[in-house]
Amino acid sequence: MRTNDAALAGMLNSLLFNHRTFAYYSELENKIASLTPEQVSEAFRQHIDPQKLVIISAGDFEKTTPGGD
């Protein structure tokens, strides 16, 4: 994301608005990288109610592709 000029400008704008520096993103990325699968699963269980999730399938299911897939 930081290699795209428009995205970088948006990040800089957000950082200035929130009185943060790029060090904030560096620390955030390090925290995310250090998470274990167990920690992510536990956070998911704490904050996401599977009964409230909606699963939607969209597309042209009648259409076939070459090769039969």
C-alpha atoms as a PDB file:
ATOM      1  CA  MET A   1       0.000   0.000   0.000  1.00  0.00           C
ATOM      2  CA  ARG A   2       2.875   2.368   0.709  1.00  0.00           C
ATOM      3  CA  THR A   3       4.187   2.031  -2.853  1.00  0.00           C
ATOM      4  CA  ASN A   4       1.098   3.675  -4.344  1.00  0.00           C
ATOM      5  CA  ASP A   5       1.246   7.486  -4.329  1.00  0.00           C
ATOM      6  CA  ALA A   6      -2.487   7.947  -3.788  1.00  0.00           C
ATOM      7  CA  ALA A   7      -2.585   5.410  -0.953  1.00  0.00           C
ATOM      8  CA  LEU A   8       0.496   6.961   0.632  1.00  0.00           C
ATOM      9  CA  ALA A   9      -1.070  10.427   0.478  1.00  0.00           C
ATOM     10  CA  GLY A  10      -4.187   9.022   2.137  1.00  0.00           C
ATOM     11  CA  MET A  11      -2.109   7.422   4.885  1.00  0.00           C
ATOM     12  CA  LEU A  12      -0.202  10.651   5.491  1.00  0.00           C
ATOM     13  CA  ASN A  13      -3.470  12.565   5.684  1.00  0.00           C
ATOM     14  CA  SER A  14      -4.884  10.052   8.165  1.00  0.00           C
ATOM     15  CA  LEU A  15      -1.715  10.124  10.254  1.00  0.00           C
ATOM     16  CA  LEU A  16      -1.725  13.913  10.414  1.00  0.00           C
ATOM     17  CA  PHE A  17      -5.426  14.018  11.291  1.00  0.00           C
ATOM     18  CA  ASN A  18      -4.930  11.472  14.100  1.00  0.00           C
ATOM     19  CA  HIS A  19      -1.666  13.049  15.341  1.00  0.00           C
ATOM     20  CA  ARG A  20       0.338   9.884  14.642  1.00  0.00           C
ATOM     21  CA  THR A  21       3.548   9.028  12.811  1.00  0.00           C
ATOM     22  CA  PHE A  22       4.581   6.092  10.660  1.00  0.00           C
ATOM     23  CA  ALA A  23       6.018   4.598  13.856  1.00  0.00           C
ATOM     24  CA  TYR A  24       2.392   3.884  14.801  1.00  0.00           C
ATOM     25  CA  TYR A  25       1.979   1.652  11.729  1.00  0.00           C
ATOM     26  CA  SER A  26       5.326  -0.008  12.380  1.00  0.00           C
ATOM     27  CA  GLU A  27       4.330  -0.893  15.935  1.00  0.00           C
ATOM     28  CA  LEU A  28       0.883  -2.034  14.799  1.00  0.00           C
ATOM     29  CA  GLU A  29       2.363  -4.293  12.113  1.00  0.00           C
ATOM     30  CA  ASN A  30       4.796  -5.793  14.639  1.00  0.00           C
ATOM     31  CA  LYS A  31       1.958  -6.495  17.079  1.00  0.00           C
ATOM     32  CA  ILE A  32      -0.113  -8.150  14.354  1.00  0.00           C
ATOM     33  CA  ALA A  33       2.861 -10.229  13.152  1.00  0.00           C
ATOM     34  CA  SER A  34       3.488 -11.494  16.684  1.00  0.00           C
ATOM     35  CA  LEU A  35      -0.045 -12.847  17.147  1.00  0.00           C
ATOM     36  CA  THR A  36      -0.414 -16.603  17.370  1.00  0.00           C
ATOM     37  CA  PRO A  37      -3.219 -18.491  15.623  1.00  0.00           C
ATOM     38  CA  GLU A  38      -4.617 -19.276  19.072  1.00  0.00           C
ATOM     39  CA  GLN A  39      -4.760 -15.577  19.989  1.00  0.00           C
ATOM     40  CA  VAL A  40      -6.510 -14.741  16.723  1.00  0.00           C
ATOM     41  CA  SER A  41      -9.012 -17.575  17.228  1.00  0.00           C
ATOM     42  CA  GLU A  42      -9.741 -16.448  20.788  1.00  0.00           C
ATOM     43  CA  ALA A  43     -10.277 -12.845  19.689  1.00  0.00           C
ATOM     44  CA  PHE A  44     -12.600 -14.067  16.941  1.00  0.00           C
ATOM     45  CA  ARG A  45     -14.611 -16.107  19.456  1.00  0.00           C
ATOM     46  CA  GLN A  46     -14.855 -13.115  21.809  1.00  0.00           C
ATOM     47  CA  HIS A  47     -15.941 -10.559  19.228  1.00  0.00           C
ATOM     48  CA  ILE A  48     -17.749 -12.428  16.454  1.00  0.00           C
ATOM     49  CA  ASP A  49     -21.115 -14.115  16.939  1.00  0.00           C
ATOM     50  CA  PRO A  50     -21.394 -16.891  14.308  1.00  0.00           C
ATOM     51  CA  GLN A  51     -25.190 -16.729  14.619  1.00  0.00           C
ATOM     52  CA  LYS A  52     -25.095 -13.162  13.276  1.00  0.00           C
ATOM     53  CA  LEU A  53     -22.871 -13.915  10.266  1.00  0.00           C
ATOM     54  CA  VAL A  54     -24.448 -13.884   6.834  1.00  0.00           C
ATOM     55  CA  ILE A  55     -22.987 -16.017   4.065  1.00  0.00           C
ATOM     56  CA  ILE A  56     -23.885 -14.980   0.533  1.00  0.00           C
ATOM     57  CA  SER A  57     -23.092 -16.840  -2.658  1.00  0.00           C
ATOM     58  CA  ALA A  58     -23.378 -14.772  -5.812  1.00  0.00           C
ATOM     59  CA  GLY A  59     -22.712 -15.438  -9.423  1.00  0.00           C
ATOM     60  CA  ASP A  60     -23.992 -17.136 -12.513  1.00  0.00           C
ATOM     61  CA  PHE A  61     -24.090 -20.713 -11.280  1.00  0.00           C
ATOM     62  CA  GLU A  62     -25.767 -21.951 -14.449  1.00  0.00           C
ATOM     63  CA  LYS A  63     -22.843 -20.801 -16.584  1.00  0.00           C
ATOM     64  CA  THR A  64     -20.152 -23.392 -17.263  1.00  0.00           C
ATOM     65  CA  THR A  65     -16.531 -22.751 -18.099  1.00  0.00           C
ATOM     66  CA  PRO A  66     -14.447 -24.511 -20.712  1.00  0.00           C
ATOM     67  CA  GLY A  67     -13.257 -27.810 -19.328  1.00  0.00           C
ATOM     68  CA  GLY A  68     -16.432 -28.371 -17.310  1.00  0.00           C
ATOM     69  CA  ASP A  69     -15.311 -26.547 -14.131  1.00  0.00           C
END
